[in-house]
C-alpha atoms as a PDB file:
ATOM      1  CA  MET A   1       0.000   0.000   0.000  1.00  0.00           C
ATOM      2  CA  ALA A   2       1.063   3.583  -0.629  1.00  0.00           C
ATOM      3  CA  LYS A   3       0.971   6.546   1.709  1.00  0.00           C
ATOM      4  CA  LEU A   4       0.046  10.168   1.062  1.00  0.00           C
ATOM      5  CA  PHE A   5       3.054  12.444   1.488  1.00  0.00           C
ATOM      6  CA  GLN A   6       2.064  15.954   2.510  1.00  0.00           C
ATOM      7  CA  HIS A   7       4.339  18.923   3.053  1.00  0.00           C
ATOM      8  CA  GLY A   8       2.781  21.678   5.146  1.00  0.00           C
ATOM      9  CA  THR A   9      -0.855  22.034   6.145  1.00  0.00           C
ATOM     10  CA  LEU A  10      -3.905  23.954   4.975  1.00  0.00           C
ATOM     11  CA  ALA A  11      -4.021  25.563   8.415  1.00  0.00           C
ATOM     12  CA  MET A  12      -0.655  27.184   7.630  1.00  0.00           C
ATOM     13  CA  LEU A  13      -2.077  28.685   4.446  1.00  0.00           C
ATOM     14  CA  VAL A  14      -5.155  29.922   6.325  1.00  0.00           C
ATOM     15  CA  ASP A  15      -2.844  32.071   8.442  1.00  0.00           C
ATOM     16  CA  GLY A  16      -0.900  33.388   5.442  1.00  0.00           C
ATOM     17  CA  LEU A  17       2.225  31.236   5.722  1.00  0.00           C
ATOM     18  CA  PHE A  18       2.761  31.264   1.967  1.00  0.00           C
ATOM     19  CA  GLY A  19       6.561  31.164   2.000  1.00  0.00           C
ATOM     20  CA  GLY A  20       8.121  28.202   0.228  1.00  0.00           C
ATOM     21  CA  THR A  21       9.553  25.529   2.513  1.00  0.00           C
ATOM     22  CA  ILE A  22      10.221  22.581   0.179  1.00  0.00           C
ATOM     23  CA  ASP A  23      11.940  22.534  -3.199  1.00  0.00           C
ATOM     24  CA  SER A  24       9.862  21.145  -6.060  1.00  0.00           C
ATOM     25  CA  ASN A  25      12.616  18.676  -6.990  1.00  0.00           C
ATOM     26  CA  GLU A  26      12.656  17.386  -3.410  1.00  0.00           C
ATOM     27  CA  LEU A  27       8.883  16.945  -3.544  1.00  0.00           C
ATOM     28  CA  LEU A  28       9.186  14.619  -6.534  1.00  0.00           C
ATOM     29  CA  LYS A  29      11.273  12.238  -4.419  1.00  0.00           C
ATOM     30  CA  HIS A  30       8.032  11.431  -2.578  1.00  0.00           C
ATOM     31  CA  GLY A  31       5.574  10.886  -5.425  1.00  0.00           C
ATOM     32  CA  ASP A  32       4.662  11.282  -9.099  1.00  0.00           C
ATOM     33  CA  PHE A  33       1.003  12.304  -8.712  1.00  0.00           C
ATOM     34  CA  GLY A  34      -0.566  15.113  -6.698  1.00  0.00           C
ATOM     35  CA  ILE A  35      -1.549  18.737  -6.130  1.00  0.00           C
ATOM     36  CA  GLY A  36      -0.247  21.825  -4.338  1.00  0.00           C
ATOM     37  CA  THR A  37       0.604  25.497  -4.648  1.00  0.00           C
ATOM     38  CA  ALA A  38       3.749  27.573  -5.140  1.00  0.00           C
ATOM     39  CA  GLU A  39       5.399  30.226  -2.993  1.00  0.00           C
ATOM     40  CA  GLY A  40       3.193  33.255  -2.487  1.00  0.00           C
ATOM     41  CA  LEU A  41       0.185  31.136  -3.434  1.00  0.00           C
ATOM     42  CA  ASN A  42       1.358  31.610  -7.002  1.00  0.00           C
ATOM     43  CA  GLY A  43      -0.922  29.331  -8.982  1.00  0.00           C
ATOM     44  CA  GLU A  44      -2.297  25.824  -8.653  1.00  0.00           C
ATOM     45  CA  LEU A  45      -0.009  22.826  -9.032  1.00  0.00           C
ATOM     46  CA  ILE A  46      -0.849  19.575 -10.751  1.00  0.00           C
ATOM     47  CA  VAL A  47       1.638  16.698 -10.474  1.00  0.00           C
ATOM     48  CA  LEU A  48       1.100  14.149 -13.234  1.00  0.00           C
ATOM     49  CA  ASN A  49       3.458  11.410 -14.421  1.00  0.00           C
ATOM     50  CA  GLY A  50       6.267  12.860 -12.322  1.00  0.00           C
ATOM     51  CA  VAL A  51       6.019  16.364 -13.805  1.00  0.00           C
ATOM     52  CA  ILE A  52       4.823  19.422 -11.874  1.00  0.00           C
ATOM     53  CA  TYR A  53       2.607  21.814 -13.837  1.00  0.00           C
ATOM     54  CA  GLN A  54       1.694  25.282 -12.571  1.00  0.00           C
ATOM     55  CA  ALA A  55      -1.583  26.901 -13.632  1.00  0.00           C
ATOM     56  CA  LEU A  56      -1.167  30.672 -13.333  1.00  0.00           C
ATOM     57  CA  ALA A  57      -3.621  33.527 -12.818  1.00  0.00           C
ATOM     58  CA  ASP A  58      -3.070  34.813 -16.372  1.00  0.00           C
ATOM     59  CA  GLY A  59      -4.593  31.580 -17.690  1.00  0.00           C
ATOM     60  CA  SER A  60      -1.333  29.969 -18.787  1.00  0.00           C
ATOM     61  CA  VAL A  61       0.254  26.711 -17.648  1.00  0.00           C
ATOM     62  CA  GLN A  62       3.965  26.090 -17.259  1.00  0.00           C
ATOM     63  CA  LYS A  63       6.247  23.350 -15.988  1.00  0.00           C
ATOM     64  CA  VAL A  64       7.801  23.860 -12.565  1.00  0.00           C
ATOM     65  CA  ASN A  65      11.546  23.527 -12.198  1.00  0.00           C
ATOM     66  CA  ASP A  66      13.382  24.162  -8.943  1.00  0.00           C
ATOM     67  CA  GLU A  67      10.779  26.303  -7.188  1.00  0.00           C
ATOM     68  CA  MET A  68       9.930  26.567  -3.505  1.00  0.00           C
ATOM     69  CA  LEU A  69       6.501  25.381  -2.354  1.00  0.00           C
ATOM     70  CA  PRO A  70       4.595  25.932   0.915  1.00  0.00           C
ATOM     71  CA  PHE A  71       2.113  23.069   0.521  1.00  0.00           C
ATOM     72  CA  ALA A  72       1.729  19.935  -1.587  1.00  0.00           C
ATOM     73  CA  ASP A  73       0.230  16.430  -1.574  1.00  0.00           C
ATOM     74  CA  VAL A  74       1.828  13.619  -3.592  1.00  0.00           C
ATOM     75  CA  ASN A  75       1.886   9.834  -3.746  1.00  0.00           C
ATOM     76  CA  TRP A  76       3.391   7.129  -5.922  1.00  0.00           C
ATOM     77  CA  SER A  77       0.581   6.362  -8.314  1.00  0.00           C
ATOM     78  CA  LYS A  78      -0.626   2.814  -8.841  1.00  0.00           C
ATOM     79  CA  PHE A  79      -4.210   3.094 -10.017  1.00  0.00           C
ATOM     80  CA  GLU A  80      -5.401  -0.505 -10.060  1.00  0.00           C
ATOM     81  CA  ASN A  81      -9.058   0.446  -9.561  1.00  0.00           C
ATOM     82  CA  ARG A  82     -10.974   2.073 -12.392  1.00  0.00           C
ATOM     83  CA  VAL A  83     -14.471   2.223 -13.805  1.00  0.00           C
ATOM     84  CA  GLN A  84     -16.132   4.027 -16.700  1.00  0.00           C
ATOM     85  CA  VAL A  85     -18.729   6.506 -15.492  1.00  0.00           C
ATOM     86  CA  GLU A  86     -21.467   8.454 -17.232  1.00  0.00           C
ATOM     87  CA  ASN A  87     -22.797  11.922 -16.494  1.00  0.00           C
ATOM     88  CA  ALA A  88     -20.068  12.724 -13.964  1.00  0.00           C
ATOM     89  CA  ASN A  89     -19.945  16.129 -12.313  1.00  0.00           C
ATOM     90  CA  MET A  90     -18.421  17.842  -9.304  1.00  0.00           C
ATOM     91  CA  GLN A  91     -21.382  17.017  -7.096  1.00  0.00           C
ATOM     92  CA  ASN A  92     -21.439  13.263  -7.675  1.00  0.00           C
ATOM     93  CA  VAL A  93     -17.758  12.294  -7.679  1.00  0.00           C
ATOM     94  CA  ASP A  94     -17.980  11.027  -4.102  1.00  0.00           C
ATOM     95  CA  GLN A  95     -21.240   9.223  -4.905  1.00  0.00           C
ATOM     96  CA  LEU A  96     -19.622   7.503  -7.880  1.00  0.00           C
ATOM     97  CA  LEU A  97     -16.666   6.497  -5.744  1.00  0.00           C
ATOM     98  CA  SER A  98     -18.955   5.267  -2.965  1.00  0.00           C
ATOM     99  CA  LYS A  99     -20.516   2.777  -5.359  1.00  0.00           C
ATOM    100  CA  GLU A 100     -17.151   1.166  -5.944  1.00  0.00           C
ATOM    101  CA  ALA A 101     -15.172   1.483  -2.705  1.00  0.00           C
ATOM    102  CA  MET A 102     -15.474   1.884   1.055  1.00  0.00           C
ATOM    103  CA  PHE A 103     -13.251   4.909   1.418  1.00  0.00           C
ATOM    104  CA  HIS A 104     -14.608   7.439   3.904  1.00  0.00           C
ATOM    105  CA  ASN A 105     -12.134   6.641   6.687  1.00  0.00           C
ATOM    106  CA  THR A 106      -8.929   6.896   4.685  1.00  0.00           C
ATOM    107  CA  PHE A 107      -7.097   9.014   2.138  1.00  0.00           C
ATOM    108  CA  VAL A 108      -7.787   8.290  -1.525  1.00  0.00           C
ATOM    109  CA  ALA A 109      -5.925   9.440  -4.631  1.00  0.00           C
ATOM    110  CA  ILE A 110      -8.455  10.276  -7.361  1.00  0.00           C
ATOM    111  CA  LYS A 111      -7.977  10.538 -11.118  1.00  0.00           C
ATOM    112  CA  LEU A 112     -10.698  11.191 -13.673  1.00  0.00           C
ATOM    113  CA  THR A 113      -9.819  11.211 -17.368  1.00  0.00           C
ATOM    114  CA  GLY A 114     -11.795  11.865 -20.509  1.00  0.00           C
ATOM    115  CA  THR A 115     -13.246  14.591 -22.681  1.00  0.00           C
ATOM    116  CA  PHE A 116     -15.170  17.010 -20.507  1.00  0.00           C
ATOM    117  CA  ASP A 117     -18.207  18.899 -21.771  1.00  0.00           C
ATOM    118  CA  LYS A 118     -17.538  21.761 -19.339  1.00  0.00           C
ATOM    119  CA  VAL A 119     -14.763  22.606 -16.913  1.00  0.00           C
ATOM    120  CA  GLN A 120     -14.488  25.570 -14.550  1.00  0.00           C
ATOM    121  CA  THR A 121     -11.283  26.296 -12.637  1.00  0.00           C
ATOM    122  CA  ARG A 122      -9.898  29.044 -10.471  1.00  0.00           C
ATOM    123  CA  VAL A 123      -6.397  30.316  -9.807  1.00  0.00           C
ATOM    124  CA  VAL A 124      -5.356  32.787  -7.117  1.00  0.00           C
ATOM    125  CA  GLU A 125      -3.037  35.619  -8.091  1.00  0.00           C
ATOM    126  CA  LYS A 126       0.457  35.592  -6.597  1.00  0.00           C
ATOM    127  CA  GLN A 127       0.562  37.251  -3.179  1.00  0.00           C
ATOM    128  CA  GLU A 128       3.314  39.528  -1.900  1.00  0.00           C
ATOM    129  CA  ARG A 129       4.571  40.018   1.635  1.00  0.00           C
ATOM    130  CA  PRO A 130       3.143  40.839   4.087  1.00  0.00           C
ATOM    131  CA  TYR A 131       0.901  37.943   3.107  1.00  0.00           C
ATOM    132  CA  PRO A 132      -2.861  38.123   3.792  1.00  0.00           C
ATOM    133  CA  GLY A 133      -4.865  35.214   5.199  1.00  0.00           C
ATOM    134  CA  LEU A 134      -6.121  32.556   2.811  1.00  0.00           C
ATOM    135  CA  SER A 135      -9.755  33.706   2.826  1.00  0.00           C
ATOM    136  CA  GLU A 136      -8.669  37.232   1.852  1.00  0.00           C
ATOM    137  CA  THR A 137      -7.188  35.928  -1.397  1.00  0.00           C
ATOM    138  CA  ALA A 138     -10.611  34.776  -2.661  1.00  0.00           C
ATOM    139  CA  SER A 139     -11.369  38.230  -4.060  1.00  0.00           C
ATOM    140  CA  GLN A 140      -8.210  38.004  -6.176  1.00  0.00           C
ATOM    141  CA  GLN A 141      -8.905  34.669  -7.798  1.00  0.00           C
ATOM    142  CA  LYS A 142      -9.371  34.327 -11.529  1.00  0.00           C
ATOM    143  CA  VAL A 143     -12.067  31.977 -12.838  1.00  0.00           C
ATOM    144  CA  PHE A 144     -11.675  30.171 -16.171  1.00  0.00           C
ATOM    145  CA  ASP A 145     -14.157  28.168 -18.244  1.00  0.00           C
ATOM    146  CA  ALA A 146     -13.565  25.639 -20.995  1.00  0.00           C
ATOM    147  CA  GLN A 147     -15.813  23.450 -23.107  1.00  0.00           C
ATOM    148  CA  THR A 148     -15.196  20.120 -24.868  1.00  0.00           C
ATOM    149  CA  ILE A 149     -11.737  19.704 -23.432  1.00  0.00           C
ATOM    150  CA  SER A 150      -9.745  16.517 -22.865  1.00  0.00           C
ATOM    151  CA  GLY A 151      -7.821  16.280 -19.647  1.00  0.00           C
ATOM    152  CA  THR A 152      -7.311  14.838 -16.189  1.00  0.00           C
ATOM    153  CA  VAL A 153      -8.789  15.588 -12.798  1.00  0.00           C
ATOM    154  CA  VAL A 154      -6.123  15.089 -10.125  1.00  0.00           C
ATOM    155  CA  GLY A 155      -6.717  15.142  -6.391  1.00  0.00           C
ATOM    156  CA  TYR A 156      -7.551  13.507  -3.109  1.00  0.00           C
ATOM    157  CA  TYR A 157     -10.278  12.590  -0.691  1.00  0.00           C
ATOM    158  CA  THR A 158      -9.402  13.489   2.921  1.00  0.00           C
ATOM    159  CA  PRO A 159     -11.404  12.212   5.921  1.00  0.00           C
ATOM    160  CA  GLU A 160     -13.198  14.815   8.038  1.00  0.00           C
ATOM    161  CA  LEU A 161     -10.894  13.969  10.952  1.00  0.00           C
ATOM    162  CA  PHE A 162      -7.981  15.581   9.088  1.00  0.00           C
ATOM    163  CA  ASN A 163      -9.713  18.831   8.102  1.00  0.00           C
ATOM    164  CA  GLY A 164      -7.192  21.564   8.799  1.00  0.00           C
ATOM    165  CA  ALA A 165      -4.224  19.412   7.946  1.00  0.00           C
ATOM    166  CA  GLY A 166      -5.843  19.117   4.512  1.00  0.00           C
ATOM    167  CA  VAL A 167      -9.206  19.816   2.936  1.00  0.00           C
ATOM    168  CA  ALA A 168     -11.852  17.420   4.236  1.00  0.00           C
ATOM    169  CA  GLY A 169     -13.682  15.773   1.356  1.00  0.00           C
ATOM    170  CA  MET A 170     -12.656  16.122  -2.272  1.00  0.00           C
ATOM    171  CA  HIS A 171      -9.805  18.487  -3.194  1.00  0.00           C
ATOM    172  CA  LEU A 172      -9.392  18.381  -6.977  1.00  0.00           C
ATOM    173  CA  HIS A 173      -7.324  20.161  -9.625  1.00  0.00           C
ATOM    174  CA  PHE A 174      -7.527  19.896 -13.434  1.00  0.00           C
ATOM    175  CA  LEU A 175      -5.019  19.812 -16.290  1.00  0.00           C
ATOM    176  CA  ASP A 176      -5.890  19.497 -19.964  1.00  0.00           C
ATOM    177  CA  ASP A 177      -4.039  17.085 -22.229  1.00  0.00           C
ATOM    178  CA  LYS A 178      -2.260  19.925 -24.050  1.00  0.00           C
ATOM    179  CA  HIS A 179      -1.020  21.373 -20.750  1.00  0.00           C
ATOM    180  CA  GLN A 180      -2.515  24.748 -21.588  1.00  0.00           C
ATOM    181  CA  PHE A 181      -5.493  24.956 -19.206  1.00  0.00           C
ATOM    182  CA  GLY A 182      -5.757  24.077 -15.542  1.00  0.00           C
ATOM    183  CA  GLY A 183      -6.334  25.104 -11.956  1.00  0.00           C
ATOM    184  CA  HIS A 184      -8.300  24.328  -8.820  1.00  0.00           C
ATOM    185  CA  LEU A 185     -11.442  22.555  -9.990  1.00  0.00           C
ATOM    186  CA  LEU A 186     -14.700  24.387  -9.257  1.00  0.00           C
ATOM    187  CA  GLY A 187     -16.997  22.321 -11.457  1.00  0.00           C
ATOM    188  CA  PHE A 188     -17.191  20.033 -14.447  1.00  0.00           C
ATOM    189  CA  GLU A 189     -19.535  17.932 -16.554  1.00  0.00           C
ATOM    190  CA  ALA A 190     -18.477  14.807 -18.420  1.00  0.00           C
ATOM    191  CA  THR A 191     -20.827  12.599 -20.403  1.00  0.00           C
ATOM    192  CA  LYS A 192     -18.312   9.756 -20.208  1.00  0.00           C
ATOM    193  CA  ALA A 193     -15.082   9.504 -18.262  1.00  0.00           C
ATOM    194  CA  VAL A 194     -12.847   6.964 -16.548  1.00  0.00           C
ATOM    195  CA  LEU A 195     -12.669   7.223 -12.772  1.00  0.00           C
ATOM    196  CA  SER A 196      -9.556   5.731 -11.175  1.00  0.00           C
ATOM    197  CA  TRP A 197      -8.700   5.627  -7.493  1.00  0.00           C
ATOM    198  CA  GLN A 198      -6.021   4.410  -5.141  1.00  0.00           C
ATOM    199  CA  ILE A 199      -6.628   3.749  -1.463  1.00  0.00           C
ATOM    200  CA  LEU A 200      -3.781   5.186   0.645  1.00  0.00           C
ATOM    201  CA  ASP A 201      -3.032   3.529   3.953  1.00  0.00           C
ATOM    202  CA  GLY A 202      -1.509   6.435   5.816  1.00  0.00           C
ATOM    203  CA  LEU A 203      -0.323  10.024   5.926  1.00  0.00           C
ATOM    204  CA  ASP A 204       3.330  11.028   5.961  1.00  0.00           C
ATOM    205  CA  LEU A 205       3.062  14.650   7.134  1.00  0.00           C
ATOM    206  CA  GLU A 206       6.217  16.752   6.867  1.00  0.00           C
ATOM    207  CA  LEU A 207       6.244  20.054   8.751  1.00  0.00           C
ATOM    208  CA  PRO A 208       8.737  22.840   7.909  1.00  0.00           C
ATOM    209  CA  THR A 209      10.462  22.853  11.297  1.00  0.00           C
ATOM    210  CA  GLY A 210      13.524  24.511   9.763  1.00  0.00           C
ATOM    211  CA  ASP A 211      11.473  27.591   8.901  1.00  0.00           C
ATOM    212  CA  SER A 212      11.559  30.252  11.631  1.00  0.00           C
ATOM    213  CA  GLU A 213       8.321  31.867  10.469  1.00  0.00           C
ATOM    214  CA  PHE A 214       6.463  28.588  10.869  1.00  0.00           C
ATOM    215  CA  MET A 215       8.055  27.727  14.196  1.00  0.00           C
ATOM    216  CA  GLY A 216       7.289  31.144  15.687  1.00  0.00           C
ATOM    217  CA  HIS A 217       3.716  31.386  14.438  1.00  0.00           C
ATOM    218  CA  HIS A 218       0.722  31.170  16.784  1.00  0.00           C
ATOM    219  CA  PRO A 219      -2.059  29.427  14.812  1.00  0.00           C
ATOM    220  CA  SER A 220      -5.677  30.480  14.527  1.00  0.00           C
ATOM    221  CA  SER A 221      -8.423  28.587  16.318  1.00  0.00           C
ATOM    222  CA  MET A 222      -9.657  25.422  14.615  1.00  0.00           C
ATOM    223  CA  GLU A 223     -13.063  27.050  14.171  1.00  0.00           C
ATOM    224  CA  ASP A 224     -11.469  29.870  12.181  1.00  0.00           C
ATOM    225  CA  VAL A 225      -9.321  27.404  10.228  1.00  0.00           C
ATOM    226  CA  HIS A 226     -12.334  25.283   9.212  1.00  0.00           C
ATOM    227  CA  GLN A 227     -14.350  28.343   8.209  1.00  0.00           C
ATOM    228  CA  SER A 228     -11.529  29.739   6.074  1.00  0.00           C
ATOM    229  CA  ILE A 229     -10.952  26.414   4.323  1.00  0.00           C
ATOM    230  CA  SER A 230     -14.660  26.149   3.576  1.00  0.00           C
ATOM    231  CA  GLU A 231     -14.715  29.667   2.123  1.00  0.00           C
ATOM    232  CA  SER A 232     -11.590  29.424   0.013  1.00  0.00           C
ATOM    233  CA  GLU A 233     -11.064  25.784  -0.971  1.00  0.00           C
ATOM    234  CA  LYS A 234     -14.525  24.318  -1.578  1.00  0.00           C
END
């Protein structure tokens, strides 16, 4: 079984700890599939086939080479479970997965591939110091829409117990096959697609203890953390 490797926490981002604390090349030593963000909350990251792609607020997508990241989730992909689904959308991904697997108490890597009738993503603009809190960046996000686009949904299911460390429920990003369109997934419709999943048997959480800003920070209450995550990530 594989584990989810996570660097940083969503709670750190809630409080504006956007400084990079792991190098992107170091991240790839822990997995070839995943999601994350770059320093300063600069774009949405999609890790696919061992390559990190960065969807930017100007609508472009670029490969990431030797950049510092504050938060990321990755795992070594081995998608042995897959099923063809019809009429998939953002609202029924968990329902579709529930039909095939008992997953609510563990982490799950999720991949959905196909030609999508509609896709809507968002990307937050790069933030500058002094960094705001995560919820304050919502007003600066750019929303993008695409139709009839082939690509891959990449992300994870996180149990409610771990909300704050990650995003409880589904946290999904999107990258098109041409690597020209992507971001944090807000919604999609797919008449036919292939849903693949991988049950992960644990969490390897790495905290940036070498970072003085992180070590000296006094975190917000869990109530505030959960509210901010709900407002900005779902």
